[in-house]
Amino acid sequence: MKCPFCGRDDTPVIDSRVSEDGEAIRRRRRCTACDKRFTTFETADVRMPQVVKQNGKREEFSLDKLRQGFARALHKRPVGTELVEESLRRIQQKVLARGEREVESLRVGEMVMEELRRLDKVAYVRFASVYRSFQDIDDFRDAIRDL
C-alpha cells in the first residue's frame, strides 16, 4: 500500500481491527519513509452476476430493483422492513451461491415468489399476477390453490 503523503510503498500494518458492522477490516499503517500514519479498509469485492432478461438483454443485478418489486407487492400489507431486508439478503446469497456469471431473470423471479410466499400470501398473489401475466380469474384461483 502506497503512503498517501509521500508515495512510498513501504507501509507496514501496525494495528488491525474488524469494523463495527463486520464487513471490513480497518488497518492502521505507518510509512517507514515519512513516519506518517494512515488508515485503510479492506473489504471483499463480490461481483454479482448479470441478469439475463427474457428478451436476451443483460443488466446488472440490482437490489434496489428487487426492493421496489417487494414494495409494490407489499403495498399496505403488515410486513416490516426488517423482514423484507432479510428476504433480499437471502435472494442475494442464493444468487451468489450459484457461482455463475449470469442468472436468468426467471430464476430471480421465482426466488422473489418464494420469499413473498413466506412473508405474505396477498403480496405473493399480487406479484404472481404480474410476474406470470394472469389473464383471467382462473389464473388467480390456481395461484391461491397452490398456496
Protein backbone atom coordinates (compact mmCIF):
# COMPACT_ATOMS: atom_id res chain seq x y z
CA MET A 1 0.00 0.00 0.00
CA LYS A 2 1.45 3.36 -1.01
CA CYS A 3 1.73 6.15 1.52
CA PRO A 4 -0.80 8.90 0.65
CA PHE A 5 1.67 11.53 1.91
CA CYS A 6 4.99 10.65 0.26
CA GLY A 7 4.09 7.87 -2.20
CA ARG A 8 6.47 5.24 -0.85
CA ASP A 9 5.19 1.67 -0.79
CA ASP A 10 6.76 0.51 2.48
CA THR A 11 3.81 0.94 4.87
CA PRO A 12 3.60 -1.90 7.40
CA VAL A 13 0.40 -2.55 9.33
CA ILE A 14 0.66 -1.52 12.98
CA ASP A 15 -2.92 -2.41 14.03
CA SER A 16 -5.87 -4.35 12.52
CA ARG A 17 -9.49 -4.45 13.69
CA VAL A 18 -12.77 -5.68 12.31
CA SER A 19 -15.16 -2.80 11.59
CA GLU A 20 -18.32 -2.39 13.67
CA ASP A 21 -20.55 -3.92 11.01
CA GLY A 22 -18.15 -6.83 10.44
CA GLU A 23 -17.99 -6.10 6.71
CA ALA A 24 -14.45 -4.69 6.60
CA ILE A 25 -11.08 -4.79 8.29
CA ARG A 26 -9.65 -1.48 9.46
CA ARG A 27 -5.85 -1.30 9.27
CA ARG A 28 -3.60 1.39 10.73
CA ARG A 29 -0.40 1.77 8.76
CA ARG A 30 2.83 3.70 9.27
CA CYS A 31 5.09 4.83 6.48
CA THR A 32 8.73 3.91 7.10
CA ALA A 33 9.92 6.83 4.95
CA CYS A 34 7.96 9.82 6.32
CA ASP A 35 6.71 8.23 9.59
CA LYS A 36 3.12 9.41 8.95
CA ARG A 37 0.19 7.17 9.91
CA PHE A 38 -2.98 6.49 7.96
CA THR A 39 -5.95 4.12 7.91
CA THR A 40 -7.01 1.70 5.19
CA PHE A 41 -10.08 -0.51 4.93
CA GLU A 42 -10.15 -3.96 3.40
CA THR A 43 -13.47 -5.27 2.06
CA ALA A 44 -14.48 -8.20 -0.07
CA ASP A 45 -15.05 -7.33 -3.70
CA VAL A 46 -18.01 -9.51 -4.61
CA ARG A 47 -19.38 -9.21 -8.11
CA MET A 48 -23.00 -10.04 -8.63
CA PRO A 49 -23.81 -11.93 -11.81
CA GLN A 50 -25.52 -10.31 -14.77
CA VAL A 51 -29.27 -10.85 -15.04
CA VAL A 52 -30.35 -12.26 -18.40
CA LYS A 53 -33.80 -10.95 -19.28
CA GLN A 54 -36.34 -12.95 -21.31
CA ASN A 55 -35.53 -10.87 -24.40
CA GLY A 56 -31.85 -11.80 -24.10
CA LYS A 57 -30.63 -8.43 -22.82
CA ARG A 58 -28.28 -8.42 -19.87
CA GLU A 59 -28.26 -5.97 -16.97
CA GLU A 60 -26.61 -5.59 -13.59
CA PHE A 61 -28.22 -7.36 -10.64
CA SER A 62 -29.99 -4.64 -8.65
CA LEU A 63 -31.11 -4.93 -5.05
CA ASP A 64 -32.93 -1.61 -5.49
CA LYS A 65 -35.00 -3.10 -8.29
CA LEU A 66 -35.88 -6.10 -6.13
CA ARG A 67 -36.71 -3.80 -3.22
CA GLN A 68 -39.12 -1.85 -5.48
CA GLY A 69 -40.80 -5.09 -6.56
CA PHE A 70 -41.23 -6.13 -2.94
CA ALA A 71 -42.59 -2.66 -2.09
CA ARG A 72 -45.20 -2.86 -4.86
CA ALA A 73 -46.32 -6.34 -3.85
CA LEU A 74 -46.36 -5.48 -0.13
CA HIS A 75 -48.07 -2.10 -0.51
CA LYS A 76 -50.32 -1.54 2.55
CA ARG A 77 -49.52 -5.02 3.90
CA PRO A 78 -48.37 -5.58 7.51
CA VAL A 79 -44.80 -6.70 6.80
CA GLY A 80 -41.85 -4.97 8.48
CA THR A 81 -38.87 -3.54 6.66
CA GLU A 82 -36.50 -5.86 8.55
CA LEU A 83 -38.27 -8.93 7.14
CA VAL A 84 -38.07 -7.52 3.61
CA GLU A 85 -34.34 -6.80 4.02
CA GLU A 86 -33.77 -10.36 5.29
CA SER A 87 -35.58 -11.71 2.23
CA LEU A 88 -33.48 -9.52 -0.06
CA ARG A 89 -30.29 -10.79 1.63
CA ARG A 90 -31.42 -14.40 1.17
CA ILE A 91 -32.08 -13.81 -2.53
CA GLN A 92 -28.70 -12.12 -2.96
CA GLN A 93 -26.97 -15.01 -1.17
CA LYS A 94 -28.78 -17.60 -3.32
CA VAL A 95 -27.75 -15.78 -6.48
CA LEU A 96 -24.13 -15.56 -5.28
CA ALA A 97 -24.11 -19.20 -4.16
CA ARG A 98 -24.88 -20.30 -7.70
CA GLY A 99 -21.34 -19.19 -8.55
CA GLU A 100 -22.26 -18.27 -12.10
CA ARG A 101 -21.57 -15.13 -14.09
CA GLU A 102 -25.18 -14.90 -15.26
CA VAL A 103 -28.57 -15.70 -13.79
CA GLU A 104 -31.86 -15.81 -15.64
CA SER A 105 -34.45 -13.22 -14.62
CA LEU A 106 -36.97 -16.07 -14.41
CA ARG A 107 -34.89 -17.71 -11.67
CA VAL A 108 -34.67 -14.43 -9.74
CA GLY A 109 -38.44 -14.00 -10.10
CA GLU A 110 -39.01 -17.48 -8.68
CA MET A 111 -36.78 -16.62 -5.71
CA VAL A 112 -38.85 -13.46 -5.13
CA MET A 113 -42.04 -15.51 -5.23
CA GLU A 114 -40.65 -17.99 -2.69
CA GLU A 115 -39.81 -15.16 -0.31
CA LEU A 116 -43.17 -13.40 -0.78
CA ARG A 117 -44.99 -16.69 -0.17
CA ARG A 118 -43.25 -16.82 3.23
CA LEU A 119 -43.88 -13.17 4.07
CA ASP A 120 -47.44 -12.50 2.95
CA LYS A 121 -49.89 -14.54 0.87
CA VAL A 122 -51.67 -11.49 -0.56
CA ALA A 123 -48.35 -9.98 -1.70
CA TYR A 124 -47.45 -13.33 -3.25
CA VAL A 125 -50.66 -13.38 -5.33
CA ARG A 126 -50.16 -9.72 -6.32
CA PHE A 127 -46.64 -10.39 -7.52
CA ALA A 128 -47.59 -13.67 -9.21
CA SER A 129 -50.42 -11.96 -11.12
CA VAL A 130 -47.97 -9.57 -12.76
CA TYR A 131 -44.99 -11.93 -12.97
CA ARG A 132 -46.97 -14.75 -14.57
CA SER A 133 -49.25 -12.41 -16.57
CA PHE A 134 -52.57 -13.70 -15.24
CA GLN A 135 -55.24 -13.47 -17.93
CA ASP A 136 -58.41 -14.27 -16.03
CA ILE A 137 -59.90 -15.24 -12.68
CA ASP A 138 -58.93 -18.91 -13.16
CA ASP A 139 -55.26 -17.95 -13.02
CA PHE A 140 -55.88 -16.28 -9.63
CA ARG A 141 -57.78 -19.36 -8.42
CA ASP A 142 -54.88 -21.60 -9.41
CA ALA A 143 -52.35 -19.39 -7.60
CA ILE A 144 -54.47 -19.33 -4.46
CA ARG A 145 -54.99 -23.08 -4.61
CA ASP A 146 -51.19 -23.55 -4.80
CA LEU A 147 -50.83 -21.69 -1.52
